[in-house]
């Protein structure tokens, strides 16, 4: 078993993952922007779609959305806590009959025949977590798609500013009184993060060239010590992702960078917008248009979005 699978299994199966991930849109504004972008793309591209494979489906943000449209969805994820939460939410929405829940690793889709699903989706970077097998994972997702594929992966250009901004997540905190541990850590460690920061051209250039923020061997050693480190994550360049999809036969590939516009605004303005329903609706519609422009696609907040036809 590859380290990518072993690390993902341990990290995403921590008991609190289901509850934490289900609350992201109530916690962080960048999650709101990203998921609104994907939702709009999904609902605009369902013509001729009856069956869906959602790889790395998490707590069901999109599998439940599509099941509510009457589609038959295979909800596939490595995390039992997140599958359990998705099952709970699907039951609440009355769509259990439209969803099949499967626990598995994205690195192994051998159980599915070629062209098994009309639409294949994989959002919020599970593909990137399969490093060093990310290209094979994409080819397998394309293999099981009959009509259309939509994915989002970690964006190299979008993530590189993190190397010069240790407080980047603070910009997107929606509720500073949230009990989410990450929110409180970001707030309480803000001053220390700034005072201890020192820009490293060497580290930033290495990340730019390799697409890897983590020290791969250090992550593996942490896993072997019994820890649950963050997954080794490969960050794609826009033309790289487009090329991989086209090489595997995907046509009419379009890219977008959800969050490219929102990242230009300060936290105070973002919070004000999101807390006003009319402003929020207009803002998310504008973000979708702006973030879909090919000239900004690489600067999405976290993810690089791609869609194409089979």
Protein backbone atom coordinates (compact mmCIF):
# COMPACT_ATOMS: atom_id res chain seq x y z
CA UNK A 1 0.00 0.00 0.00
CA UNK A 2 1.36 3.42 -0.97
CA UNK A 3 2.09 6.07 1.65
CA UNK A 4 -0.54 8.29 0.04
CA UNK A 5 -3.24 5.78 0.87
CA UNK A 6 -1.93 4.97 4.35
CA UNK A 7 -1.53 8.62 5.35
CA UNK A 8 -4.96 9.55 3.96
CA UNK A 9 -6.62 6.65 5.76
CA UNK A 10 -5.16 7.67 9.10
CA UNK A 11 -5.74 11.41 8.73
CA UNK A 12 -9.25 11.39 7.30
CA UNK A 13 -10.48 8.66 9.64
CA UNK A 14 -9.87 10.69 12.77
CA UNK A 15 -13.17 10.70 14.69
CA UNK A 16 -13.83 14.44 14.43
CA UNK A 17 -13.37 14.70 10.64
CA UNK A 18 -17.03 14.20 9.81
CA UNK A 19 -18.31 17.01 11.99
CA UNK A 20 -15.47 19.43 11.18
CA UNK A 21 -15.64 19.03 7.41
CA UNK A 22 -19.42 19.32 7.38
CA UNK A 23 -19.14 22.76 8.96
CA UNK A 24 -16.53 24.33 6.64
CA UNK A 25 -19.03 26.56 4.84
CA UNK A 26 -20.17 27.92 8.19
CA UNK A 27 -16.58 28.53 9.23
CA UNK A 28 -14.48 29.78 6.32
CA UNK A 29 -15.45 32.16 3.51
CA UNK A 30 -13.06 30.62 0.98
CA UNK A 31 -15.00 27.36 1.35
CA UNK A 32 -18.23 29.22 0.65
CA UNK A 33 -16.80 30.74 -2.54
CA UNK A 34 -15.27 27.52 -3.79
CA UNK A 35 -18.32 25.37 -3.18
CA UNK A 36 -20.67 27.96 -4.68
CA UNK A 37 -18.54 27.95 -7.84
CA UNK A 38 -18.65 24.16 -8.10
CA UNK A 39 -22.37 24.01 -7.36
CA UNK A 40 -23.11 26.44 -10.18
CA UNK A 41 -20.97 24.41 -12.58
CA UNK A 42 -22.63 21.15 -11.60
CA UNK A 43 -26.21 22.37 -11.88
CA UNK A 44 -25.45 23.93 -15.26
CA UNK A 45 -24.03 20.72 -16.73
CA UNK A 46 -26.52 17.97 -15.92
CA UNK A 47 -28.04 17.52 -19.35
CA UNK A 48 -27.97 13.83 -20.24
CA UNK A 49 -26.66 12.86 -16.81
CA UNK A 50 -28.29 10.06 -14.82
CA UNK A 51 -25.41 8.46 -12.90
CA UNK A 52 -22.57 10.11 -10.98
CA UNK A 53 -19.36 8.97 -9.30
CA UNK A 54 -18.20 11.37 -6.58
CA UNK A 55 -14.61 10.50 -5.70
CA UNK A 56 -13.53 11.86 -2.33
CA UNK A 57 -17.11 12.83 -1.62
CA UNK A 58 -16.50 13.76 2.01
CA UNK A 59 -19.61 14.71 3.95
CA UNK A 60 -21.79 14.75 0.87
CA UNK A 61 -21.81 18.43 -0.08
CA UNK A 62 -22.19 17.55 -3.76
CA UNK A 63 -23.38 13.93 -3.71
CA UNK A 64 -26.46 15.01 -1.75
CA UNK A 65 -26.98 18.03 -4.01
CA UNK A 66 -27.00 15.77 -7.07
CA UNK A 67 -29.14 13.11 -5.42
CA UNK A 68 -31.73 15.82 -4.77
CA UNK A 69 -31.78 16.38 -8.54
CA UNK A 70 -32.92 12.76 -8.93
CA UNK A 71 -29.52 11.40 -10.03
CA UNK A 72 -28.07 8.08 -8.87
CA UNK A 73 -24.82 8.88 -7.07
CA UNK A 74 -21.95 6.67 -5.88
CA UNK A 75 -20.47 8.45 -2.86
CA UNK A 76 -16.87 7.21 -2.63
CA UNK A 77 -14.53 8.25 0.17
CA UNK A 78 -11.65 6.94 2.27
CA UNK A 79 -13.10 8.30 5.54
CA UNK A 80 -15.70 6.36 7.53
CA UNK A 81 -16.47 9.35 9.81
CA UNK A 82 -17.22 11.49 6.76
CA UNK A 83 -19.28 8.76 5.10
CA UNK A 84 -21.24 8.37 8.34
CA UNK A 85 -21.88 12.13 8.43
CA UNK A 86 -22.88 12.11 4.77
CA UNK A 87 -25.30 9.24 5.45
CA UNK A 88 -26.83 11.23 8.31
CA UNK A 89 -27.23 14.34 6.13
CA UNK A 90 -28.61 12.35 3.19
CA UNK A 91 -31.20 10.77 5.47
CA UNK A 92 -32.18 14.22 6.71
CA UNK A 93 -32.65 15.33 3.08
CA UNK A 94 -34.60 12.19 2.17
CA UNK A 95 -32.26 11.05 -0.61
CA UNK A 96 -30.75 7.84 0.76
CA UNK A 97 -32.37 5.83 -2.04
CA UNK A 98 -30.36 7.79 -4.59
CA UNK A 99 -26.93 7.35 -2.99
CA UNK A 100 -24.64 4.34 -2.73
CA UNK A 101 -21.94 4.81 -0.09
CA UNK A 102 -18.56 3.16 -0.70
CA UNK A 103 -15.45 3.39 1.46
CA UNK A 104 -12.29 3.17 -0.59
CA UNK A 105 -9.07 4.82 -1.72
CA UNK A 106 -9.09 6.96 -4.85
CA UNK A 107 -5.85 5.25 -5.92
CA UNK A 108 -7.81 2.04 -6.61
CA UNK A 109 -10.88 2.27 -8.85
CA UNK A 110 -10.43 -1.23 -10.30
CA UNK A 111 -13.89 -2.24 -9.11
CA UNK A 112 -15.45 0.01 -11.76
CA UNK A 113 -15.61 -0.83 -15.45
CA UNK A 114 -14.79 1.61 -18.22
CA UNK A 115 -17.46 4.30 -18.78
CA UNK A 116 -19.47 3.25 -15.71
CA UNK A 117 -20.83 6.72 -14.88
CA UNK A 118 -22.29 9.55 -16.96
CA UNK A 119 -20.53 12.12 -14.79
CA UNK A 120 -17.39 11.72 -12.69
CA UNK A 121 -16.51 14.38 -10.12
CA UNK A 122 -13.77 14.79 -7.53
CA UNK A 123 -13.55 18.05 -5.63
CA UNK A 124 -11.46 19.73 -2.94
CA UNK A 125 -8.14 18.07 -3.85
CA UNK A 126 -8.42 14.34 -3.07
CA UNK A 127 -6.58 13.75 -6.36
CA UNK A 128 -3.65 15.82 -5.10
CA UNK A 129 -3.48 13.66 -1.98
CA UNK A 130 -2.69 10.58 -4.09
CA UNK A 131 0.88 11.78 -4.80
CA UNK A 132 2.95 10.33 -6.44
CA UNK A 133 0.06 8.64 -8.26
CA UNK A 134 -1.90 11.78 -9.15
CA UNK A 135 -1.66 11.34 -12.94
CA UNK A 136 -2.74 7.70 -12.76
CA UNK A 137 -5.64 8.71 -10.51
CA UNK A 138 -6.82 11.26 -13.08
CA UNK A 139 -6.55 8.70 -15.87
CA UNK A 140 -8.65 6.25 -13.84
CA UNK A 141 -11.31 8.88 -13.15
CA UNK A 142 -11.45 9.64 -16.88
CA UNK A 143 -11.64 5.90 -17.64
CA UNK A 144 -14.84 5.40 -15.66
CA UNK A 145 -16.51 8.56 -17.05
CA UNK A 146 -18.98 8.17 -19.93
CA UNK A 147 -19.93 11.76 -20.76
CA UNK A 148 -18.35 14.38 -18.54
CA UNK A 149 -15.73 14.92 -15.85
CA UNK A 150 -15.26 17.73 -13.33
CA UNK A 151 -12.41 17.85 -10.83
CA UNK A 152 -10.56 20.27 -8.60
CA UNK A 153 -6.96 19.81 -7.49
CA UNK A 154 -4.49 21.77 -5.38
CA UNK A 155 -3.28 24.80 -7.32
CA UNK A 156 0.46 25.51 -7.38
CA UNK A 157 0.23 29.17 -8.37
CA UNK A 158 -2.71 29.68 -6.02
CA UNK A 159 -0.94 28.10 -3.06
CA UNK A 160 2.50 29.66 -3.52
CA UNK A 161 1.49 32.93 -1.78
CA UNK A 162 1.08 30.82 1.38
CA UNK A 163 4.86 30.60 1.46
CA UNK A 164 4.93 34.36 2.07
CA UNK A 165 1.78 34.65 4.18
CA UNK A 166 1.60 32.61 7.40
CA UNK A 167 -1.75 34.23 8.30
CA UNK A 168 -3.53 33.72 4.97
CA UNK A 169 -6.36 31.67 6.52
CA UNK A 170 -7.28 34.52 8.91
CA UNK A 171 -8.53 36.49 5.91
CA UNK A 172 -11.35 33.99 5.43
CA UNK A 173 -12.58 33.37 8.97
CA UNK A 174 -16.33 33.96 8.98
CA UNK A 175 -17.03 33.73 12.70
CA UNK A 176 -14.24 34.56 15.13
CA UNK A 177 -16.31 33.04 17.95
CA UNK A 178 -16.45 29.67 16.23
CA UNK A 179 -15.52 26.70 18.40
CA UNK A 180 -13.59 25.20 15.49
CA UNK A 181 -10.08 24.48 16.77
CA UNK A 182 -8.42 25.68 13.59
CA UNK A 183 -10.21 29.03 13.77
CA UNK A 184 -9.09 29.60 17.33
CA UNK A 185 -5.55 28.49 16.54
CA UNK A 186 -5.32 30.94 13.63
CA UNK A 187 -6.55 33.79 15.83
CA UNK A 188 -4.44 33.04 18.89
CA UNK A 189 -1.26 32.44 16.89
CA UNK A 190 -1.58 35.40 14.51
CA UNK A 191 0.95 37.70 16.16
CA UNK A 192 3.47 34.95 16.75
CA UNK A 193 3.14 33.76 13.15
CA UNK A 194 3.92 37.26 11.89
CA UNK A 195 6.78 37.96 14.29
CA UNK A 196 8.49 34.63 13.60
CA UNK A 197 8.02 34.73 9.83
CA UNK A 198 10.99 34.98 7.50
CA UNK A 199 10.63 34.71 3.73
CA UNK A 200 12.69 31.92 2.17
CA UNK A 201 13.35 32.26 -1.52
CA UNK A 202 14.95 28.79 -1.53
CA UNK A 203 11.84 27.11 -0.07
CA UNK A 204 9.46 29.06 -2.29
CA UNK A 205 11.44 28.26 -5.44
CA UNK A 206 11.61 24.59 -4.50
CA UNK A 207 7.83 24.53 -4.08
CA UNK A 208 7.38 26.34 -7.38
CA UNK A 209 9.53 23.77 -9.16
CA UNK A 210 8.23 20.60 -7.50
CA UNK A 211 4.63 21.36 -6.57
CA UNK A 212 5.28 20.00 -3.07
CA UNK A 213 5.06 22.08 0.11
CA UNK A 214 5.85 19.22 2.42
CA UNK A 215 9.11 17.42 3.06
CA UNK A 216 7.99 14.03 1.79
CA UNK A 217 10.41 11.99 3.87
CA UNK A 218 9.53 13.95 7.03
CA UNK A 219 5.84 13.23 6.48
CA UNK A 220 6.54 9.53 6.03
CA UNK A 221 8.61 9.45 9.23
CA UNK A 222 5.81 11.21 11.14
CA UNK A 223 3.40 8.56 9.91
CA UNK A 224 5.77 5.78 11.01
CA UNK A 225 5.93 7.37 14.48
CA UNK A 226 2.18 6.89 14.77
CA UNK A 227 1.21 10.49 14.02
CA UNK A 228 -1.55 11.59 11.64
CA UNK A 229 0.25 14.11 9.41
CA UNK A 230 -1.44 16.12 6.68
CA UNK A 231 -1.43 14.27 3.38
CA UNK A 232 1.46 14.81 0.99
CA UNK A 233 -0.24 17.06 -1.52
CA UNK A 234 0.81 17.65 -5.13
CA UNK A 235 -0.02 21.10 -6.53
CA UNK A 236 -0.73 21.34 -10.26
CA UNK A 237 0.07 24.05 -12.77
CA UNK A 238 -2.89 24.99 -15.03
CA UNK A 239 -1.40 23.85 -18.33
CA UNK A 240 -0.14 20.67 -16.65
CA UNK A 241 -3.64 19.70 -15.51
CA UNK A 242 -5.17 20.56 -18.86
CA UNK A 243 -2.49 18.51 -20.64
CA UNK A 244 -3.08 15.43 -18.47
CA UNK A 245 -6.81 15.55 -19.11
CA UNK A 246 -6.36 16.01 -22.85
CA UNK A 247 -3.77 13.21 -22.99
CA UNK A 248 -6.43 10.93 -21.52
CA UNK A 249 -8.96 11.91 -24.15
CA UNK A 250 -10.92 14.66 -22.40
CA UNK A 251 -12.19 17.30 -24.84
CA UNK A 252 -13.17 20.95 -24.46
CA UNK A 253 -11.24 21.30 -21.20
CA UNK A 254 -12.00 24.53 -19.30
CA UNK A 255 -10.20 25.71 -16.17
CA UNK A 256 -11.16 28.07 -13.36
CA UNK A 257 -9.68 29.33 -10.10
CA UNK A 258 -12.40 29.60 -7.43
CA UNK A 259 -11.35 32.26 -4.92
CA UNK A 260 -9.16 34.35 -7.23
CA UNK A 261 -11.34 37.43 -6.75
CA UNK A 262 -12.19 36.86 -3.08
CA UNK A 263 -8.53 36.65 -2.07
CA UNK A 264 -8.07 40.31 -3.05
CA UNK A 265 -10.46 41.49 -0.30
CA UNK A 266 -9.79 41.97 3.45
CA UNK A 267 -11.57 39.91 6.06
CA UNK A 268 -13.76 42.78 7.28
CA UNK A 269 -15.21 43.31 3.79
CA UNK A 270 -15.67 39.61 3.10
CA UNK A 271 -17.54 39.09 6.38
CA UNK A 272 -19.79 42.07 5.69
CA UNK A 273 -20.64 40.77 2.21
CA UNK A 274 -21.30 37.18 3.28
CA UNK A 275 -23.54 38.22 6.18
CA UNK A 276 -25.86 40.17 3.85
CA UNK A 277 -27.97 37.76 1.72
CA UNK A 278 -28.34 40.14 -1.26
CA UNK A 279 -24.65 41.08 -1.31
CA UNK A 280 -23.64 37.44 -0.85
CA UNK A 281 -25.72 36.28 -3.82
CA UNK A 282 -24.40 39.02 -6.09
CA UNK A 283 -20.83 38.53 -4.87
CA UNK A 284 -20.81 34.77 -5.50
CA UNK A 285 -22.24 35.26 -8.99
CA UNK A 286 -19.54 37.81 -9.80
CA UNK A 287 -16.84 35.58 -8.31
CA UNK A 288 -17.93 32.74 -10.57
CA UNK A 289 -17.60 34.92 -13.65
CA UNK A 290 -14.28 36.44 -12.61
CA UNK A 291 -12.75 33.18 -11.39
CA UNK A 292 -13.70 31.44 -14.66
CA UNK A 293 -11.53 33.84 -16.67
CA UNK A 294 -8.56 31.80 -17.97
CA UNK A 295 -6.16 34.62 -17.11
CA UNK A 296 -6.79 34.19 -13.36
CA UNK A 297 -7.49 30.44 -13.17
CA UNK A 298 -4.14 29.67 -11.58
CA UNK A 299 -4.73 32.05 -8.69
CA UNK A 300 -7.72 30.30 -7.16
CA UNK A 301 -7.53 30.35 -3.38
CA UNK A 302 -6.78 26.65 -2.94
CA UNK A 303 -8.07 24.76 -5.92
CA UNK A 304 -7.72 24.59 -9.66
CA UNK A 305 -11.03 23.54 -11.20
CA UNK A 306 -11.34 21.69 -14.52
CA UNK A 307 -14.22 20.34 -16.56
CA UNK A 308 -14.39 18.56 -19.89
CA UNK A 309 -16.27 16.17 -22.13
CA UNK A 310 -15.46 12.53 -22.83
